[in-house]
Amino acid sequence: MSRILPALILATATALAAAPSGAEGDTSGGAIRVDPDQVAELVYGVYCAEDPVRTEEAPETASGVINIVPDLPRIRFAQTVVPAALDIGFGVLSRAPDGVIHDPVTITVTHPPFPDSGIEVERWTTRLDGEDFSLTGFSFDVPGELVLGTWTFSAHSGEKELFHVEFEVVPPELAAPVLAECMRGFTS
């Protein structure tokens, strides 16, 4: 089952990796757009996946559900290059400005077609507020999800695009430091 992970979870900013808020792009090649009037903070990157605590129905996703994780992941690499390897996660942590609530927010993830189903677009709804960070992510659970190429994560509130982040999923050997970091965490 895919670990597409939207979650509204209490967190402190100190638990998050530093990444530019309102960035127009980064040096790793992925396109990043953020509406600074609608999103106060945005952190993107790669993390080590964790097991969910529950699922919620999401009929417009490949697995039909989204997994909810117990805590926000620690973004270990603030980059948009992602190794295609099981138990690797990537995505966006975002927070609205204080006092602002976007509800509902439509999340759209696009990716190259999955070999077994041909699915290229997955959607679900969530909310984004100014109190807690929200996770919009994906982690590789099964080999059929390991498709190379451009993956995009976008969030819309009505017609307004809140953010758009492009990731490039590459062969594992091209992102060896990420794999080494996550494997060390699994064995220690």
C-alpha atoms as a PDB file:
ATOM      1  CA  MET A   1       0.000   0.000   0.000  1.00  0.00           C
ATOM      2  CA  SER A   2       1.330   3.432  -0.892  1.00  0.00           C
ATOM      3  CA  ARG A   3       2.262   5.657   1.967  1.00  0.00           C
ATOM      4  CA  ILE A   4       0.809   8.896   0.756  1.00  0.00           C
ATOM      5  CA  LEU A   5       0.915  10.867   3.931  1.00  0.00           C
ATOM      6  CA  PRO A   6      -1.118  13.956   4.654  1.00  0.00           C
ATOM      7  CA  ALA A   7      -1.279  14.627   8.352  1.00  0.00           C
ATOM      8  CA  LEU A   8      -1.964  17.504  10.648  1.00  0.00           C
ATOM      9  CA  ILE A   9       0.332  16.832  13.552  1.00  0.00           C
ATOM     10  CA  LEU A  10       1.728  19.048  16.280  1.00  0.00           C
ATOM     11  CA  ALA A  11       5.392  19.760  15.760  1.00  0.00           C
ATOM     12  CA  THR A  12       7.982  22.331  16.558  1.00  0.00           C
ATOM     13  CA  ALA A  13      10.002  24.137  13.970  1.00  0.00           C
ATOM     14  CA  THR A  14      13.180  22.854  15.587  1.00  0.00           C
ATOM     15  CA  ALA A  15      12.283  19.337  14.478  1.00  0.00           C
ATOM     16  CA  LEU A  16      12.261  20.424  10.854  1.00  0.00           C
ATOM     17  CA  ALA A  17      15.135  20.791   8.449  1.00  0.00           C
ATOM     18  CA  ALA A  18      15.805  24.327   7.339  1.00  0.00           C
ATOM     19  CA  ALA A  19      14.687  25.061   3.793  1.00  0.00           C
ATOM     20  CA  PRO A  20      13.784  28.294   2.120  1.00  0.00           C
ATOM     21  CA  SER A  21      10.247  29.519   2.656  1.00  0.00           C
ATOM     22  CA  GLY A  22       8.719  31.091  -0.409  1.00  0.00           C
ATOM     23  CA  ALA A  23      11.537  29.766  -2.605  1.00  0.00           C
ATOM     24  CA  GLU A  24      11.193  29.972  -6.357  1.00  0.00           C
ATOM     25  CA  GLY A  25      13.604  27.100  -6.908  1.00  0.00           C
ATOM     26  CA  ASP A  26      16.521  25.241  -5.434  1.00  0.00           C
ATOM     27  CA  THR A  27      19.963  24.230  -6.561  1.00  0.00           C
ATOM     28  CA  SER A  28      19.055  20.550  -6.929  1.00  0.00           C
ATOM     29  CA  GLY A  29      17.050  21.109 -10.100  1.00  0.00           C
ATOM     30  CA  GLY A  30      13.419  20.789  -8.972  1.00  0.00           C
ATOM     31  CA  ALA A  31      10.928  23.597  -9.582  1.00  0.00           C
ATOM     32  CA  ILE A  32       9.374  25.075  -6.463  1.00  0.00           C
ATOM     33  CA  ARG A  33       6.523  27.580  -6.325  1.00  0.00           C
ATOM     34  CA  VAL A  34       5.006  28.880  -3.103  1.00  0.00           C
ATOM     35  CA  ASP A  35       2.327  31.528  -2.622  1.00  0.00           C
ATOM     36  CA  PRO A  36       3.830  33.463   0.324  1.00  0.00           C
ATOM     37  CA  ASP A  37       0.451  35.048   1.126  1.00  0.00           C
ATOM     38  CA  GLN A  38      -1.089  31.583   1.600  1.00  0.00           C
ATOM     39  CA  VAL A  39       1.839  29.495   2.943  1.00  0.00           C
ATOM     40  CA  ALA A  40       3.929  30.842   5.829  1.00  0.00           C
ATOM     41  CA  GLU A  41       6.463  28.009   5.907  1.00  0.00           C
ATOM     42  CA  LEU A  42       7.378  25.214   3.512  1.00  0.00           C
ATOM     43  CA  VAL A  43      10.033  22.541   3.976  1.00  0.00           C
ATOM     44  CA  TYR A  44      10.677  19.928   1.295  1.00  0.00           C
ATOM     45  CA  GLY A  45      12.985  16.987   0.920  1.00  0.00           C
ATOM     46  CA  VAL A  46      13.726  13.347   1.548  1.00  0.00           C
ATOM     47  CA  TYR A  47      13.113  11.388   4.753  1.00  0.00           C
ATOM     48  CA  CYS A  48      13.268   7.836   6.050  1.00  0.00           C
ATOM     49  CA  ALA A  49       9.779   6.321   5.915  1.00  0.00           C
ATOM     50  CA  GLU A  50       7.975   5.131   9.020  1.00  0.00           C
ATOM     51  CA  ASP A  51       5.017   2.853   9.616  1.00  0.00           C
ATOM     52  CA  PRO A  52       1.552   4.453   9.729  1.00  0.00           C
ATOM     53  CA  VAL A  53      -0.724   4.424  12.763  1.00  0.00           C
ATOM     54  CA  ARG A  54      -3.937   4.357  10.706  1.00  0.00           C
ATOM     55  CA  THR A  55      -5.344   4.823   7.224  1.00  0.00           C
ATOM     56  CA  GLU A  56      -8.016   7.036   5.726  1.00  0.00           C
ATOM     57  CA  GLU A  57      -9.986   6.411   2.551  1.00  0.00           C
ATOM     58  CA  ALA A  58      -8.683   8.204  -0.536  1.00  0.00           C
ATOM     59  CA  PRO A  59     -10.416   6.757  -3.602  1.00  0.00           C
ATOM     60  CA  GLU A  60      -8.391   8.831  -6.088  1.00  0.00           C
ATOM     61  CA  THR A  61      -5.089   7.241  -5.038  1.00  0.00           C
ATOM     62  CA  ALA A  62      -3.460   4.074  -6.372  1.00  0.00           C
ATOM     63  CA  SER A  63      -3.987   2.184  -3.108  1.00  0.00           C
ATOM     64  CA  GLY A  64      -7.362   3.743  -2.250  1.00  0.00           C
ATOM     65  CA  VAL A  65      -6.102   4.935   1.137  1.00  0.00           C
ATOM     66  CA  ILE A  66      -3.672   7.374   2.649  1.00  0.00           C
ATOM     67  CA  ASN A  67      -1.581   6.443   5.649  1.00  0.00           C
ATOM     68  CA  ILE A  68      -1.343   8.671   8.693  1.00  0.00           C
ATOM     69  CA  VAL A  69       1.998   8.628  10.509  1.00  0.00           C
ATOM     70  CA  PRO A  70       2.420   9.231  14.252  1.00  0.00           C
ATOM     71  CA  ASP A  71       4.906  12.102  13.939  1.00  0.00           C
ATOM     72  CA  LEU A  72       6.169  14.414  11.268  1.00  0.00           C
ATOM     73  CA  PRO A  73       9.234  12.904   9.623  1.00  0.00           C
ATOM     74  CA  ARG A  74      12.601  14.549   9.992  1.00  0.00           C
ATOM     75  CA  ILE A  75      13.574  15.866   6.574  1.00  0.00           C
ATOM     76  CA  ARG A  76      17.118  14.523   6.409  1.00  0.00           C
ATOM     77  CA  PHE A  77      17.973  15.967   2.987  1.00  0.00           C
ATOM     78  CA  ALA A  78      16.477  19.306   1.896  1.00  0.00           C
ATOM     79  CA  GLN A  79      16.704  18.407  -1.775  1.00  0.00           C
ATOM     80  CA  THR A  80      14.479  17.361  -4.655  1.00  0.00           C
ATOM     81  CA  VAL A  81      16.572  14.383  -5.850  1.00  0.00           C
ATOM     82  CA  VAL A  82      15.076  11.155  -4.476  1.00  0.00           C
ATOM     83  CA  PRO A  83      16.509   7.618  -4.684  1.00  0.00           C
ATOM     84  CA  ALA A  84      14.086   5.006  -6.014  1.00  0.00           C
ATOM     85  CA  ALA A  85      14.375   2.647  -3.042  1.00  0.00           C
ATOM     86  CA  LEU A  86      11.935   0.995  -0.671  1.00  0.00           C
ATOM     87  CA  ASP A  87      11.366   2.742   2.679  1.00  0.00           C
ATOM     88  CA  ILE A  88      12.420   6.147   1.342  1.00  0.00           C
ATOM     89  CA  GLY A  89       9.932   8.991   1.699  1.00  0.00           C
ATOM     90  CA  PHE A  90       9.816  12.452   0.205  1.00  0.00           C
ATOM     91  CA  GLY A  91       7.493  15.391   0.259  1.00  0.00           C
ATOM     92  CA  VAL A  92       6.510  18.732   1.711  1.00  0.00           C
ATOM     93  CA  LEU A  93       5.844  20.053   5.210  1.00  0.00           C
ATOM     94  CA  SER A  94       3.789  23.247   5.076  1.00  0.00           C
ATOM     95  CA  ARG A  95       1.989  25.670   7.356  1.00  0.00           C
ATOM     96  CA  ALA A  96      -0.431  28.512   6.568  1.00  0.00           C
ATOM     97  CA  PRO A  97       0.039  32.003   8.031  1.00  0.00           C
ATOM     98  CA  ASP A  98      -1.200  32.499  11.607  1.00  0.00           C
ATOM     99  CA  GLY A  99      -4.983  32.633  11.734  1.00  0.00           C
ATOM    100  CA  VAL A 100      -5.435  31.282   8.190  1.00  0.00           C
ATOM    101  CA  ILE A 101      -7.218  27.988   7.520  1.00  0.00           C
ATOM    102  CA  HIS A 102      -7.391  26.433   4.054  1.00  0.00           C
ATOM    103  CA  ASP A 103     -10.091  23.761   4.124  1.00  0.00           C
ATOM    104  CA  PRO A 104     -10.443  21.834   1.945  1.00  0.00           C
ATOM    105  CA  VAL A 105      -7.083  21.666   0.215  1.00  0.00           C
ATOM    106  CA  THR A 106      -6.772  19.404  -2.818  1.00  0.00           C
ATOM    107  CA  ILE A 107      -3.432  17.629  -2.992  1.00  0.00           C
ATOM    108  CA  THR A 108      -2.370  16.330  -6.399  1.00  0.00           C
ATOM    109  CA  VAL A 109       0.629  14.061  -6.891  1.00  0.00           C
ATOM    110  CA  THR A 110       1.693  13.315 -10.458  1.00  0.00           C
ATOM    111  CA  HIS A 111       4.335  10.788 -11.431  1.00  0.00           C
ATOM    112  CA  PRO A 112       5.358   8.538 -14.318  1.00  0.00           C
ATOM    113  CA  PRO A 113       2.868   5.692 -14.830  1.00  0.00           C
ATOM    114  CA  PHE A 114       2.970   2.794 -12.391  1.00  0.00           C
ATOM    115  CA  PRO A 115       3.803  -0.342 -14.429  1.00  0.00           C
ATOM    116  CA  ASP A 116       0.940  -2.456 -13.050  1.00  0.00           C
ATOM    117  CA  SER A 117      -1.898   0.098 -13.259  1.00  0.00           C
ATOM    118  CA  GLY A 118      -0.758   2.956 -15.476  1.00  0.00           C
ATOM    119  CA  ILE A 119      -1.816   5.426 -12.766  1.00  0.00           C
ATOM    120  CA  GLU A 120      -0.089   8.813 -13.127  1.00  0.00           C
ATOM    121  CA  VAL A 121      -2.231  11.164 -10.998  1.00  0.00           C
ATOM    122  CA  GLU A 122      -3.344  10.727  -7.390  1.00  0.00           C
ATOM    123  CA  ARG A 123      -5.533  13.146  -5.395  1.00  0.00           C
ATOM    124  CA  TRP A 124      -6.949  13.591  -1.926  1.00  0.00           C
ATOM    125  CA  THR A 125      -8.175  16.405   0.291  1.00  0.00           C
ATOM    126  CA  THR A 126      -6.784  17.713   3.550  1.00  0.00           C
ATOM    127  CA  ARG A 127      -6.523  21.046   5.339  1.00  0.00           C
ATOM    128  CA  LEU A 128      -3.743  23.509   6.034  1.00  0.00           C
ATOM    129  CA  ASP A 129      -3.778  25.871   8.989  1.00  0.00           C
ATOM    130  CA  GLY A 130      -1.465  28.293  10.745  1.00  0.00           C
ATOM    131  CA  GLU A 131      -1.032  26.256  13.929  1.00  0.00           C
ATOM    132  CA  ASP A 132       0.416  22.924  12.800  1.00  0.00           C
ATOM    133  CA  PHE A 133       2.609  21.703   9.991  1.00  0.00           C
ATOM    134  CA  SER A 134       0.923  19.431   7.467  1.00  0.00           C
ATOM    135  CA  LEU A 135       2.761  16.634   5.661  1.00  0.00           C
ATOM    136  CA  THR A 136       2.155  15.933   1.995  1.00  0.00           C
ATOM    137  CA  GLY A 137       4.397  13.018   1.096  1.00  0.00           C
ATOM    138  CA  PHE A 138       4.931   9.675  -0.504  1.00  0.00           C
ATOM    139  CA  SER A 139       7.062   6.748   0.565  1.00  0.00           C
ATOM    140  CA  PHE A 140       8.018   3.766  -1.506  1.00  0.00           C
ATOM    141  CA  ASP A 141       6.402   0.605  -0.059  1.00  0.00           C
ATOM    142  CA  VAL A 142       6.341  -1.787  -3.010  1.00  0.00           C
ATOM    143  CA  PRO A 143       8.575  -2.244  -6.074  1.00  0.00           C
ATOM    144  CA  GLY A 144       5.809  -1.136  -8.485  1.00  0.00           C
ATOM    145  CA  GLU A 145       6.013   2.382  -7.042  1.00  0.00           C
ATOM    146  CA  LEU A 146       9.711   2.805  -7.864  1.00  0.00           C
ATOM    147  CA  VAL A 147       9.220   4.742 -11.097  1.00  0.00           C
ATOM    148  CA  LEU A 148      11.985   7.056 -12.234  1.00  0.00           C
ATOM    149  CA  GLY A 149      11.305  10.573 -13.444  1.00  0.00           C
ATOM    150  CA  THR A 150       9.588  13.754 -12.339  1.00  0.00           C
ATOM    151  CA  TRP A 151       7.088  13.642  -9.490  1.00  0.00           C
ATOM    152  CA  THR A 152       5.105  16.752  -8.547  1.00  0.00           C
ATOM    153  CA  PHE A 153       3.282  17.647  -5.350  1.00  0.00           C
ATOM    154  CA  SER A 154       0.804  20.516  -5.567  1.00  0.00           C
ATOM    155  CA  ALA A 155      -1.790  21.929  -3.205  1.00  0.00           C
ATOM    156  CA  HIS A 156      -4.805  24.013  -4.218  1.00  0.00           C
ATOM    157  CA  SER A 157      -7.405  25.823  -2.153  1.00  0.00           C
ATOM    158  CA  GLY A 158     -10.187  26.424  -4.638  1.00  0.00           C
ATOM    159  CA  GLU A 159      -8.496  27.910  -7.706  1.00  0.00           C
ATOM    160  CA  LYS A 160      -5.466  29.186  -5.739  1.00  0.00           C
ATOM    161  CA  GLU A 161      -2.254  27.195  -5.974  1.00  0.00           C
ATOM    162  CA  LEU A 162      -0.688  27.147  -2.511  1.00  0.00           C
ATOM    163  CA  PHE A 163       2.476  25.308  -3.521  1.00  0.00           C
ATOM    164  CA  HIS A 164       4.008  23.181  -6.260  1.00  0.00           C
ATOM    165  CA  VAL A 165       7.190  21.151  -5.728  1.00  0.00           C
ATOM    166  CA  GLU A 166       8.895  18.934  -8.322  1.00  0.00           C
ATOM    167  CA  PHE A 167      11.061  16.005  -7.285  1.00  0.00           C
ATOM    168  CA  GLU A 168      13.269  13.884  -9.528  1.00  0.00           C
ATOM    169  CA  VAL A 169      13.278  10.173  -8.647  1.00  0.00           C
ATOM    170  CA  VAL A 170      16.578   8.644  -9.750  1.00  0.00           C
ATOM    171  CA  PRO A 171      18.304   5.243  -9.606  1.00  0.00           C
ATOM    172  CA  PRO A 172      19.403   4.516  -6.013  1.00  0.00           C
ATOM    173  CA  GLU A 173      23.120   4.735  -6.769  1.00  0.00           C
ATOM    174  CA  LEU A 174      22.692   8.402  -7.769  1.00  0.00           C
ATOM    175  CA  ALA A 175      21.517   9.292  -4.249  1.00  0.00           C
ATOM    176  CA  ALA A 176      23.662   6.948  -2.149  1.00  0.00           C
ATOM    177  CA  PRO A 177      24.036   9.331   0.857  1.00  0.00           C
ATOM    178  CA  VAL A 178      20.263   9.286   1.397  1.00  0.00           C
ATOM    179  CA  LEU A 179      20.180   5.492   1.399  1.00  0.00           C
ATOM    180  CA  ALA A 180      23.150   5.271   3.756  1.00  0.00           C
ATOM    181  CA  GLU A 181      21.501   7.671   6.235  1.00  0.00           C
ATOM    182  CA  CYS A 182      18.195   5.784   6.269  1.00  0.00           C
ATOM    183  CA  MET A 183      19.812   2.354   6.441  1.00  0.00           C
ATOM    184  CA  ARG A 184      21.917   3.489   9.398  1.00  0.00           C
ATOM    185  CA  GLY A 185      18.712   4.577  11.155  1.00  0.00           C
ATOM    186  CA  PHE A 186      17.094   1.178  10.547  1.00  0.00           C
ATOM    187  CA  THR A 187      20.046  -0.739  11.956  1.00  0.00           C
ATOM    188  CA  SER A 188      20.950   1.376  14.985  1.00  0.00           C
END
